[in-house]
PDB file of N, CA and C in Angstrom:
ATOM      1  N   MET A   1      -3.434 -14.207 -61.848  1.00  0.00           N
ATOM      2  CA  MET A   1      -3.558 -12.775 -61.577  1.00  0.00           C
ATOM      3  C   MET A   1      -4.895 -12.422 -60.985  1.00  0.00           C
ATOM      4  N   PHE A   2      -5.994 -13.016 -61.481  1.00  0.00           N
ATOM      5  CA  PHE A   2      -7.322 -12.740 -60.928  1.00  0.00           C
ATOM      6  C   PHE A   2      -7.449 -13.074 -59.479  1.00  0.00           C
ATOM      7  N   PRO A   3      -6.942 -14.246 -59.006  1.00  0.00           N
ATOM      8  CA  PRO A   3      -7.102 -14.521 -57.566  1.00  0.00           C
ATOM      9  C   PRO A   3      -6.393 -13.522 -56.642  1.00  0.00           C
ATOM     10  N   LYS A   4      -5.237 -12.925 -57.118  1.00  0.00           N
ATOM     11  CA  LYS A   4      -4.564 -11.957 -56.327  1.00  0.00           C
ATOM     12  C   LYS A   4      -5.368 -10.640 -56.247  1.00  0.00           C
ATOM     13  N   VAL A   5      -6.028 -10.269 -57.345  1.00  0.00           N
ATOM     14  CA  VAL A   5      -6.859  -9.071 -57.365  1.00  0.00           C
ATOM     15  C   VAL A   5      -8.068  -9.272 -56.471  1.00  0.00           C
ATOM     16  N   ALA A   6      -8.678 -10.459 -56.496  1.00  0.00           N
ATOM     17  CA  ALA A   6      -9.809 -10.767 -55.687  1.00  0.00           C
ATOM     18  C   ALA A   6      -9.475 -10.735 -54.175  1.00  0.00           C
ATOM     19  N   VAL A   7      -8.341 -11.249 -53.840  1.00  0.00           N
ATOM     20  CA  VAL A   7      -7.886 -11.217 -52.417  1.00  0.00           C
ATOM     21  C   VAL A   7      -7.635  -9.816 -51.988  1.00  0.00           C
ATOM     22  N   PHE A   8      -6.971  -9.014 -52.839  1.00  0.00           N
ATOM     23  CA  PHE A   8      -6.690  -7.617 -52.487  1.00  0.00           C
ATOM     24  C   PHE A   8      -7.982  -6.826 -52.326  1.00  0.00           C
ATOM     25  N   ALA A   9      -8.954  -7.045 -53.218  1.00  0.00           N
ATOM     26  CA  ALA A   9     -10.209  -6.306 -53.185  1.00  0.00           C
ATOM     27  C   ALA A   9     -11.015  -6.668 -51.921  1.00  0.00           C
ATOM     28  N   THR A  10     -10.997  -7.979 -51.582  1.00  0.00           N
ATOM     29  CA  THR A  10     -11.705  -8.429 -50.362  1.00  0.00           C
ATOM     30  C   THR A  10     -11.077  -7.819 -49.110  1.00  0.00           C
ATOM     31  N   ALA A  11      -9.773  -7.809 -49.065  1.00  0.00           N
ATOM     32  CA  ALA A  11      -9.057  -7.237 -47.874  1.00  0.00           C
ATOM     33  C   ALA A  11      -9.310  -5.730 -47.801  1.00  0.00           C
ATOM     34  N   LEU A  12      -9.306  -5.044 -48.919  1.00  0.00           N
ATOM     35  CA  LEU A  12      -9.556  -3.589 -48.953  1.00  0.00           C
ATOM     36  C   LEU A  12     -10.996  -3.319 -48.466  1.00  0.00           C
ATOM     37  N   LEU A  13     -11.943  -4.010 -48.957  1.00  0.00           N
ATOM     38  CA  LEU A  13     -13.360  -3.789 -48.556  1.00  0.00           C
ATOM     39  C   LEU A  13     -13.544  -4.126 -47.067  1.00  0.00           C
ATOM     40  N   ALA A  14     -12.892  -5.177 -46.571  1.00  0.00           N
ATOM     41  CA  ALA A  14     -12.983  -5.494 -45.135  1.00  0.00           C
ATOM     42  C   ALA A  14     -12.412  -4.372 -44.261  1.00  0.00           C
ATOM     43  N   THR A  15     -11.298  -3.840 -44.697  1.00  0.00           N
ATOM     44  CA  THR A  15     -10.627  -2.733 -43.969  1.00  0.00           C
ATOM     45  C   THR A  15     -11.530  -1.502 -43.988  1.00  0.00           C
ATOM     46  N   LEU A  16     -12.124  -1.183 -45.102  1.00  0.00           N
ATOM     47  CA  LEU A  16     -12.988  -0.006 -45.141  1.00  0.00           C
ATOM     48  C   LEU A  16     -14.241  -0.228 -44.294  1.00  0.00           C
ATOM     49  N   ALA A  17     -14.807  -1.390 -44.256  1.00  0.00           N
ATOM     50  CA  ALA A  17     -15.961  -1.683 -43.461  1.00  0.00           C
ATOM     51  C   ALA A  17     -15.684  -1.483 -41.987  1.00  0.00           C
ATOM     52  N   VAL A  18     -14.521  -1.931 -41.569  1.00  0.00           N
ATOM     53  CA  VAL A  18     -14.133  -1.770 -40.142  1.00  0.00           C
ATOM     54  C   VAL A  18     -13.842  -0.318 -39.809  1.00  0.00           C
ATOM     55  N   ALA A  19     -13.321   0.408 -40.708  1.00  0.00           N
ATOM     56  CA  ALA A  19     -12.959   1.846 -40.455  1.00  0.00           C
ATOM     57  C   ALA A  19     -14.117   2.781 -40.660  1.00  0.00           C
ATOM     58  N   ALA A  20     -15.187   2.345 -41.251  1.00  0.00           N
ATOM     59  CA  ALA A  20     -16.321   3.216 -41.544  1.00  0.00           C
ATOM     60  C   ALA A  20     -16.959   3.704 -40.247  1.00  0.00           C
ATOM     61  N   PRO A  21     -17.345   4.997 -40.153  1.00  0.00           N
ATOM     62  CA  PRO A  21     -18.008   5.500 -38.985  1.00  0.00           C
ATOM     63  C   PRO A  21     -19.409   4.976 -38.885  1.00  0.00           C
ATOM     64  N   GLY A  22     -20.027   5.052 -37.718  1.00  0.00           N
ATOM     65  CA  GLY A  22     -21.385   4.611 -37.504  1.00  0.00           C
ATOM     66  C   GLY A  22     -21.539   3.145 -37.270  1.00  0.00           C
ATOM     67  N   GLY A  23     -20.424   2.442 -37.114  1.00  0.00           N
ATOM     68  CA  GLY A  23     -20.522   1.022 -36.755  1.00  0.00           C
ATOM     69  C   GLY A  23     -20.792   0.853 -35.282  1.00  0.00           C
ATOM     70  N   SER A  24     -20.560  -0.321 -34.797  1.00  0.00           N
ATOM     71  CA  SER A  24     -20.763  -0.573 -33.417  1.00  0.00           C
ATOM     72  C   SER A  24     -19.598   0.001 -32.604  1.00  0.00           C
ATOM     73  N   PRO A  25     -19.911   0.448 -31.363  1.00  0.00           N
ATOM     74  CA  PRO A  25     -18.800   0.956 -30.530  1.00  0.00           C
ATOM     75  C   PRO A  25     -17.961  -0.220 -30.095  1.00  0.00           C
ATOM     76  N   PRO A  26     -16.750   0.040 -29.621  1.00  0.00           N
ATOM     77  CA  PRO A  26     -15.976  -1.068 -29.162  1.00  0.00           C
ATOM     78  C   PRO A  26     -16.673  -1.744 -27.969  1.00  0.00           C
ATOM     79  N   PRO A  27     -16.471  -3.054 -27.810  1.00  0.00           N
ATOM     80  CA  PRO A  27     -17.177  -3.720 -26.700  1.00  0.00           C
ATOM     81  C   PRO A  27     -16.715  -3.191 -25.362  1.00  0.00           C
ATOM     82  N   ALA A  28     -17.650  -3.029 -24.442  1.00  0.00           N
ATOM     83  CA  ALA A  28     -17.274  -2.552 -23.094  1.00  0.00           C
ATOM     84  C   ALA A  28     -16.634  -3.689 -22.315  1.00  0.00           C
ATOM     85  N   ALA A  29     -15.640  -3.341 -21.566  1.00  0.00           N
ATOM     86  CA  ALA A  29     -14.960  -4.324 -20.702  1.00  0.00           C
ATOM     87  C   ALA A  29     -15.961  -4.779 -19.643  1.00  0.00           C
ATOM     88  N   PRO A  30     -15.799  -5.963 -19.126  1.00  0.00           N
ATOM     89  CA  PRO A  30     -16.684  -6.394 -18.075  1.00  0.00           C
ATOM     90  C   PRO A  30     -16.772  -5.409 -16.901  1.00  0.00           C
ATOM     91  N   GLY A  31     -17.958  -5.094 -16.457  1.00  0.00           N
ATOM     92  CA  GLY A  31     -18.100  -4.162 -15.370  1.00  0.00           C
ATOM     93  C   GLY A  31     -18.050  -2.702 -15.763  1.00  0.00           C
ATOM     94  N   THR A  32     -17.998  -2.385 -17.058  1.00  0.00           N
ATOM     95  CA  THR A  32     -17.976  -0.998 -17.558  1.00  0.00           C
ATOM     96  C   THR A  32     -19.092  -0.808 -18.530  1.00  0.00           C
ATOM     97  N   THR A  33     -19.337   0.458 -18.908  1.00  0.00           N
ATOM     98  CA  THR A  33     -20.424   0.794 -19.790  1.00  0.00           C
ATOM     99  C   THR A  33     -19.959   1.843 -20.803  1.00  0.00           C
ATOM    100  N   ASN A  34     -20.317   1.673 -22.072  1.00  0.00           N
ATOM    101  CA  ASN A  34     -20.084   2.688 -23.085  1.00  0.00           C
ATOM    102  C   ASN A  34     -21.236   3.649 -23.101  1.00  0.00           C
ATOM    103  N   VAL A  35     -20.948   4.956 -22.911  1.00  0.00           N
ATOM    104  CA  VAL A  35     -21.974   6.014 -22.847  1.00  0.00           C
ATOM    105  C   VAL A  35     -21.563   7.225 -23.669  1.00  0.00           C
ATOM    106  N   CYS A  36     -22.557   8.058 -23.899  1.00  0.00           N
ATOM    107  CA  CYS A  36     -22.337   9.362 -24.565  1.00  0.00           C
ATOM    108  C   CYS A  36     -22.677  10.422 -23.564  1.00  0.00           C
ATOM    109  N   CYS A  37     -21.701  11.263 -23.197  1.00  0.00           N
ATOM    110  CA  CYS A  37     -21.912  12.268 -22.146  1.00  0.00           C
ATOM    111  C   CYS A  37     -21.909  13.674 -22.721  1.00  0.00           C
ATOM    112  N   THR A  38     -22.734  14.516 -22.139  1.00  0.00           N
ATOM    113  CA  THR A  38     -22.775  15.956 -22.582  1.00  0.00           C
ATOM    114  C   THR A  38     -21.524  16.648 -22.100  1.00  0.00           C
ATOM    115  N   SER A  39     -20.983  16.247 -20.952  1.00  0.00           N
ATOM    116  CA  SER A  39     -19.727  16.851 -20.460  1.00  0.00           C
ATOM    117  C   SER A  39     -18.856  15.769 -19.840  1.00  0.00           C
ATOM    118  N   VAL A  40     -17.580  15.922 -20.032  1.00  0.00           N
ATOM    119  CA  VAL A  40     -16.595  15.033 -19.388  1.00  0.00           C
ATOM    120  C   VAL A  40     -15.574  15.930 -18.702  1.00  0.00           C
ATOM    121  N   LEU A  41     -15.443  15.782 -17.411  1.00  0.00           N
ATOM    122  CA  LEU A  41     -14.587  16.613 -16.593  1.00  0.00           C
ATOM    123  C   LEU A  41     -13.492  15.809 -15.918  1.00  0.00           C
ATOM    124  N   THR A  42     -12.347  16.522 -15.668  1.00  0.00           N
ATOM    125  CA  THR A  42     -11.299  15.852 -14.915  1.00  0.00           C
ATOM    126  C   THR A  42     -11.727  15.748 -13.448  1.00  0.00           C
ATOM    127  N   GLN A  43     -11.082  14.873 -12.712  1.00  0.00           N
ATOM    128  CA  GLN A  43     -11.392  14.762 -11.282  1.00  0.00           C
ATOM    129  C   GLN A  43     -10.978  16.019 -10.505  1.00  0.00           C
ATOM    130  N   SER A  44     -10.004  16.770 -11.026  1.00  0.00           N
ATOM    131  CA  SER A  44      -9.579  17.997 -10.344  1.00  0.00           C
ATOM    132  C   SER A  44     -10.376  19.213 -10.686  1.00  0.00           C
ATOM    133  N   ASP A  45     -11.329  19.107 -11.629  1.00  0.00           N
ATOM    134  CA  ASP A  45     -12.172  20.231 -11.971  1.00  0.00           C
ATOM    135  C   ASP A  45     -13.004  20.628 -10.789  1.00  0.00           C
ATOM    136  N   PRO A  46     -13.081  21.962 -10.516  1.00  0.00           N
ATOM    137  CA  PRO A  46     -13.910  22.414  -9.345  1.00  0.00           C
ATOM    138  C   PRO A  46     -15.373  21.952  -9.395  1.00  0.00           C
ATOM    139  N   LEU A  47     -15.948  21.858 -10.559  1.00  0.00           N
ATOM    140  CA  LEU A  47     -17.321  21.373 -10.682  1.00  0.00           C
ATOM    141  C   LEU A  47     -17.440  19.912 -10.228  1.00  0.00           C
ATOM    142  N   THR A  48     -16.429  19.117 -10.625  1.00  0.00           N
ATOM    143  CA  THR A  48     -16.428  17.711 -10.192  1.00  0.00           C
ATOM    144  C   THR A  48     -16.364  17.631  -8.697  1.00  0.00           C
ATOM    145  N   THR A  49     -15.454  18.400  -8.102  1.00  0.00           N
ATOM    146  CA  THR A  49     -15.278  18.441  -6.636  1.00  0.00           C
ATOM    147  C   THR A  49     -16.571  18.831  -5.951  1.00  0.00           C
ATOM    148  N   LEU A  50     -17.239  19.882  -6.455  1.00  0.00           N
ATOM    149  CA  LEU A  50     -18.508  20.337  -5.896  1.00  0.00           C
ATOM    150  C   LEU A  50     -19.584  19.256  -5.969  1.00  0.00           C
ATOM    151  N   LEU A  51     -19.796  18.709  -7.197  1.00  0.00           N
ATOM    152  CA  LEU A  51     -20.842  17.710  -7.341  1.00  0.00           C
ATOM    153  C   LEU A  51     -20.632  16.433  -6.542  1.00  0.00           C
ATOM    154  N   THR A  52     -19.424  15.906  -6.594  1.00  0.00           N
ATOM    155  CA  THR A  52     -19.160  14.668  -5.878  1.00  0.00           C
ATOM    156  C   THR A  52     -19.188  14.901  -4.363  1.00  0.00           C
ATOM    157  N   GLY A  53     -18.816  16.098  -3.901  1.00  0.00           N
ATOM    158  CA  GLY A  53     -18.897  16.409  -2.476  1.00  0.00           C
ATOM    159  C   GLY A  53     -20.371  16.545  -2.030  1.00  0.00           C
ATOM    160  N   LEU A  54     -21.207  17.205  -2.830  1.00  0.00           N
ATOM    161  CA  LEU A  54     -22.636  17.346  -2.458  1.00  0.00           C
ATOM    162  C   LEU A  54     -23.338  16.001  -2.462  1.00  0.00           C
ATOM    163  N   LEU A  55     -22.953  15.135  -3.409  1.00  0.00           N
ATOM    164  CA  LEU A  55     -23.656  13.836  -3.506  1.00  0.00           C
ATOM    165  C   LEU A  55     -22.970  12.728  -2.713  1.00  0.00           C
ATOM    166  N   GLY A  56     -21.920  13.044  -2.051  1.00  0.00           N
ATOM    167  CA  GLY A  56     -21.210  12.025  -1.245  1.00  0.00           C
ATOM    168  C   GLY A  56     -20.538  10.928  -2.018  1.00  0.00           C
ATOM    169  N   ILE A  57     -20.023  11.240  -3.220  1.00  0.00           N
ATOM    170  CA  ILE A  57     -19.385  10.293  -4.051  1.00  0.00           C
ATOM    171  C   ILE A  57     -17.840  10.395  -3.835  1.00  0.00           C
ATOM    172  N   ASN A  58     -17.255   9.258  -3.456  1.00  0.00           N
ATOM    173  CA  ASN A  58     -15.805   9.224  -3.165  1.00  0.00           C
ATOM    174  C   ASN A  58     -15.053   8.821  -4.423  1.00  0.00           C
ATOM    175  N   LEU A  59     -14.159   9.599  -4.917  1.00  0.00           N
ATOM    176  CA  LEU A  59     -13.383   9.285  -6.104  1.00  0.00           C
ATOM    177  C   LEU A  59     -12.003   8.705  -5.798  1.00  0.00           C
ATOM    178  N   ASP A  60     -11.710   8.452  -4.512  1.00  0.00           N
ATOM    179  CA  ASP A  60     -10.404   7.884  -4.125  1.00  0.00           C
ATOM    180  C   ASP A  60     -10.203   6.548  -4.828  1.00  0.00           C
ATOM    181  N   GLY A  61      -9.104   6.364  -5.487  1.00  0.00           N
ATOM    182  CA  GLY A  61      -8.773   5.103  -6.169  1.00  0.00           C
ATOM    183  C   GLY A  61      -9.392   4.950  -7.513  1.00  0.00           C
ATOM    184  N   ILE A  62     -10.166   5.934  -7.967  1.00  0.00           N
ATOM    185  CA  ILE A  62     -10.799   5.862  -9.235  1.00  0.00           C
ATOM    186  C   ILE A  62      -9.920   6.599 -10.289  1.00  0.00           C
ATOM    187  N   LEU A  63      -9.626   5.919 -11.379  1.00  0.00           N
ATOM    188  CA  LEU A  63      -8.865   6.490 -12.475  1.00  0.00           C
ATOM    189  C   LEU A  63      -9.805   6.990 -13.547  1.00  0.00           C
ATOM    190  N   GLY A  64      -9.393   7.991 -14.254  1.00  0.00           N
ATOM    191  CA  GLY A  64     -10.200   8.493 -15.413  1.00  0.00           C
ATOM    192  C   GLY A  64     -11.006   9.732 -15.057  1.00  0.00           C
ATOM    193  N   SER A  65     -11.848  10.096 -15.975  1.00  0.00           N
ATOM    194  CA  SER A  65     -12.622  11.359 -15.854  1.00  0.00           C
ATOM    195  C   SER A  65     -13.999  11.082 -15.255  1.00  0.00           C
ATOM    196  N   VAL A  66     -14.794  12.155 -15.140  1.00  0.00           N
ATOM    197  CA  VAL A  66     -16.139  12.065 -14.676  1.00  0.00           C
ATOM    198  C   VAL A  66     -17.060  12.531 -15.847  1.00  0.00           C
ATOM    199  N   GLY A  67     -18.016  11.738 -16.168  1.00  0.00           N
ATOM    200  CA  GLY A  67     -18.979  12.061 -17.247  1.00  0.00           C
ATOM    201  C   GLY A  67     -20.299  12.578 -16.632  1.00  0.00           C
ATOM    202  N   LEU A  68     -20.829  13.626 -17.231  1.00  0.00           N
ATOM    203  CA  LEU A  68     -22.079  14.177 -16.764  1.00  0.00           C
ATOM    204  C   LEU A  68     -23.140  14.087 -17.882  1.00  0.00           C
ATOM    205  N   GLY A  69     -24.372  13.818 -17.479  1.00  0.00           N
ATOM    206  CA  GLY A  69     -25.474  13.744 -18.463  1.00  0.00           C
ATOM    207  C   GLY A  69     -25.248  12.710 -19.491  1.00  0.00           C
ATOM    208  N   CYS A  70     -24.981  11.471 -19.097  1.00  0.00           N
ATOM    209  CA  CYS A  70     -24.595  10.385 -19.992  1.00  0.00           C
ATOM    210  C   CYS A  70     -25.844   9.494 -20.343  1.00  0.00           C
ATOM    211  N   THR A  71     -25.808   8.970 -21.581  1.00  0.00           N
ATOM    212  CA  THR A  71     -26.813   8.061 -22.078  1.00  0.00           C
ATOM    213  C   THR A  71     -26.081   6.867 -22.633  1.00  0.00           C
ATOM    214  N   LEU A  72     -26.671   5.687 -22.445  1.00  0.00           N
ATOM    215  CA  LEU A  72     -26.071   4.439 -23.042  1.00  0.00           C
ATOM    216  C   LEU A  72     -26.005   4.624 -24.539  1.00  0.00           C
ATOM    217  N   LEU A  73     -24.895   4.177 -25.087  1.00  0.00           N
ATOM    218  CA  LEU A  73     -24.734   4.272 -26.550  1.00  0.00           C
ATOM    219  C   LEU A  73     -25.761   3.429 -27.277  1.00  0.00           C
ATOM    220  N   SER A  74     -26.176   2.296 -26.761  1.00  0.00           N
ATOM    221  CA  SER A  74     -27.127   1.420 -27.410  1.00  0.00           C
ATOM    222  C   SER A  74     -28.474   2.146 -27.531  1.00  0.00           C
ATOM    223  N   VAL A  75     -28.812   3.022 -26.576  1.00  0.00           N
ATOM    224  CA  VAL A  75     -30.055   3.761 -26.646  1.00  0.00           C
ATOM    225  C   VAL A  75     -30.025   4.779 -27.771  1.00  0.00           C
ATOM    226  N   LEU A  76     -28.852   5.316 -28.044  1.00  0.00           N
ATOM    227  CA  LEU A  76     -28.667   6.343 -29.064  1.00  0.00           C
ATOM    228  C   LEU A  76     -28.391   5.758 -30.473  1.00  0.00           C
ATOM    229  N   GLY A  77     -28.448   4.457 -30.612  1.00  0.00           N
ATOM    230  CA  GLY A  77     -28.135   3.847 -31.916  1.00  0.00           C
ATOM    231  C   GLY A  77     -26.655   3.864 -32.211  1.00  0.00           C
ATOM    232  N   ASN A  78     -25.828   3.795 -31.201  1.00  0.00           N
ATOM    233  CA  ASN A  78     -24.340   3.773 -31.318  1.00  0.00           C
ATOM    234  C   ASN A  78     -23.784   5.015 -32.034  1.00  0.00           C
ATOM    235  N   THR A  79     -24.457   6.138 -31.829  1.00  0.00           N
ATOM    236  CA  THR A  79     -23.946   7.408 -32.333  1.00  0.00           C
ATOM    237  C   THR A  79     -23.841   8.347 -31.148  1.00  0.00           C
ATOM    238  N   CYS A  80     -22.942   9.331 -31.218  1.00  0.00           N
ATOM    239  CA  CYS A  80     -22.750  10.254 -30.130  1.00  0.00           C
ATOM    240  C   CYS A  80     -22.290  11.589 -30.707  1.00  0.00           C
ATOM    241  N   SER A  81     -23.058  12.610 -30.496  1.00  0.00           N
ATOM    242  CA  SER A  81     -22.659  13.967 -30.980  1.00  0.00           C
ATOM    243  C   SER A  81     -21.871  14.720 -29.919  1.00  0.00           C
ATOM    244  N   ASN A  82     -21.742  14.136 -28.755  1.00  0.00           N
ATOM    245  CA  ASN A  82     -20.958  14.791 -27.666  1.00  0.00           C
ATOM    246  C   ASN A  82     -19.650  14.031 -27.477  1.00  0.00           C
ATOM    247  N   THR A  83     -19.454  13.428 -26.307  1.00  0.00           N
ATOM    248  CA  THR A  83     -18.248  12.715 -26.000  1.00  0.00           C
ATOM    249  C   THR A  83     -18.518  11.264 -25.629  1.00  0.00           C
ATOM    250  N   ALA A  84     -18.024  10.368 -26.416  1.00  0.00           N
ATOM    251  CA  ALA A  84     -18.223   8.925 -26.154  1.00  0.00           C
ATOM    252  C   ALA A  84     -17.096   8.449 -25.215  1.00  0.00           C
ATOM    253  N   VAL A  85     -17.519   7.772 -24.121  1.00  0.00           N
ATOM    254  CA  VAL A  85     -16.586   7.308 -23.145  1.00  0.00           C
ATOM    255  C   VAL A  85     -16.999   5.958 -22.639  1.00  0.00           C
ATOM    256  N   ASN A  86     -16.034   5.229 -22.030  1.00  0.00           N
ATOM    257  CA  ASN A  86     -16.295   3.991 -21.370  1.00  0.00           C
ATOM    258  C   ASN A  86     -16.053   4.261 -19.883  1.00  0.00           C
ATOM    259  N   CYS A  87     -17.059   3.971 -19.023  1.00  0.00           N
ATOM    260  CA  CYS A  87     -16.980   4.295 -17.595  1.00  0.00           C
ATOM    261  C   CYS A  87     -17.093   3.101 -16.711  1.00  0.00           C
ATOM    262  N   GLN A  88     -16.410   3.164 -15.566  1.00  0.00           N
ATOM    263  CA  GLN A  88     -16.368   2.078 -14.597  1.00  0.00           C
ATOM    264  C   GLN A  88     -17.650   1.997 -13.792  1.00  0.00           C
ATOM    265  N   SER A  89     -18.277   3.112 -13.476  1.00  0.00           N
ATOM    266  CA  SER A  89     -19.382   3.151 -12.546  1.00  0.00           C
ATOM    267  C   SER A  89     -20.361   4.247 -12.870  1.00  0.00           C
ATOM    268  N   THR A  90     -21.654   3.987 -12.630  1.00  0.00           N
ATOM    269  CA  THR A  90     -22.675   4.949 -12.834  1.00  0.00           C
ATOM    270  C   THR A  90     -23.255   5.319 -11.448  1.00  0.00           C
ATOM    271  N   GLN A  91     -23.422   6.631 -11.257  1.00  0.00           N
ATOM    272  CA  GLN A  91     -23.954   7.125  -9.995  1.00  0.00           C
ATOM    273  C   GLN A  91     -25.157   8.008 -10.260  1.00  0.00           C
ATOM    274  N   VAL A  92     -26.015   8.127  -9.268  1.00  0.00           N
ATOM    275  CA  VAL A  92     -27.177   9.041  -9.318  1.00  0.00           C
ATOM    276  C   VAL A  92     -28.029   8.823 -10.583  1.00  0.00           C
ATOM    277  N   GLY A  93     -28.398   7.539 -10.748  1.00  0.00           N
ATOM    278  CA  GLY A  93     -29.312   7.205 -11.865  1.00  0.00           C
ATOM    279  C   GLY A  93     -28.772   7.514 -13.219  1.00  0.00           C
ATOM    280  N   GLY A  94     -27.440   7.463 -13.396  1.00  0.00           N
ATOM    281  CA  GLY A  94     -26.835   7.683 -14.702  1.00  0.00           C
ATOM    282  C   GLY A  94     -26.445   9.125 -15.015  1.00  0.00           C
ATOM    283  N   LEU A  95     -26.766  10.044 -14.093  1.00  0.00           N
ATOM    284  CA  LEU A  95     -26.440  11.430 -14.322  1.00  0.00           C
ATOM    285  C   LEU A  95     -24.929  11.662 -14.234  1.00  0.00           C
ATOM    286  N   ILE A  96     -24.246  10.886 -13.352  1.00  0.00           N
ATOM    287  CA  ILE A  96     -22.812  11.023 -13.179  1.00  0.00           C
ATOM    288  C   ILE A  96     -22.166   9.620 -13.407  1.00  0.00           C
ATOM    289  N   ASN A  97     -21.186   9.579 -14.268  1.00  0.00           N
ATOM    290  CA  ASN A  97     -20.447   8.351 -14.518  1.00  0.00           C
ATOM    291  C   ASN A  97     -19.035   8.634 -14.103  1.00  0.00           C
ATOM    292  N   ILE A  98     -18.383   7.678 -13.402  1.00  0.00           N
ATOM    293  CA  ILE A  98     -17.051   7.880 -12.949  1.00  0.00           C
ATOM    294  C   ILE A  98     -16.048   6.858 -13.550  1.00  0.00           C
ATOM    295  N   GLY A  99     -14.786   7.230 -13.534  1.00  0.00           N
ATOM    296  CA  GLY A  99     -13.754   6.342 -14.101  1.00  0.00           C
ATOM    297  C   GLY A  99     -13.894   6.216 -15.576  1.00  0.00           C
ATOM    298  N   CYS A 100     -14.083   7.323 -16.277  1.00  0.00           N
ATOM    299  CA  CYS A 100     -14.337   7.327 -17.724  1.00  0.00           C
ATOM    300  C   CYS A 100     -13.071   7.542 -18.519  1.00  0.00           C
ATOM    301  N   ILE A 101     -12.976   6.808 -19.660  1.00  0.00           N
ATOM    302  CA  ILE A 101     -11.901   7.029 -20.645  1.00  0.00           C
ATOM    303  C   ILE A 101     -12.580   7.212 -21.996  1.00  0.00           C
ATOM    304  N   PRO A 102     -12.007   8.065 -22.859  1.00  0.00           N
ATOM    305  CA  PRO A 102     -12.592   8.261 -24.180  1.00  0.00           C
ATOM    306  C   PRO A 102     -12.548   7.018 -25.054  1.00  0.00           C
ATOM    307  N   ILE A 103     -13.517   6.831 -25.904  1.00  0.00           N
ATOM    308  CA  ILE A 103     -13.532   5.743 -26.879  1.00  0.00           C
ATOM    309  C   ILE A 103     -13.843   6.378 -28.239  1.00  0.00           C
ATOM    310  N   THR A 104     -13.488   5.657 -29.300  1.00  0.00           N
ATOM    311  CA  THR A 104     -13.728   6.089 -30.656  1.00  0.00           C
ATOM    312  C   THR A 104     -14.807   5.236 -31.273  1.00  0.00           C
ATOM    313  N   LEU A 105     -15.836   5.866 -31.832  1.00  0.00           N
ATOM    314  CA  LEU A 105     -16.909   5.112 -32.464  1.00  0.00           C
ATOM    315  C   LEU A 105     -16.600   4.860 -33.917  1.00  0.00           C
TER     316      LEU A 105
END
């Protein structure tokens, strides 16, 4: 009986540790970056169209949203009070990230 209880308790604690907030973000796919953005806009948003047009950024063939004012999650200690996303590309020194999809921390 004791070994069954020990196995159950170990499995439960492992599950809780994985589900607990504040852990590491999911690993970024090769060629992408996990960031925390102050704003995440759709590609069809008029502000996205304005900014990418002014900066000469072509979104043709890019899937996902556009992140503005983004900071690497590792710089923030893997916490994000705004919107955590994984992005394909960083433009304009990190101010604009393109091809972003939401992630859960």
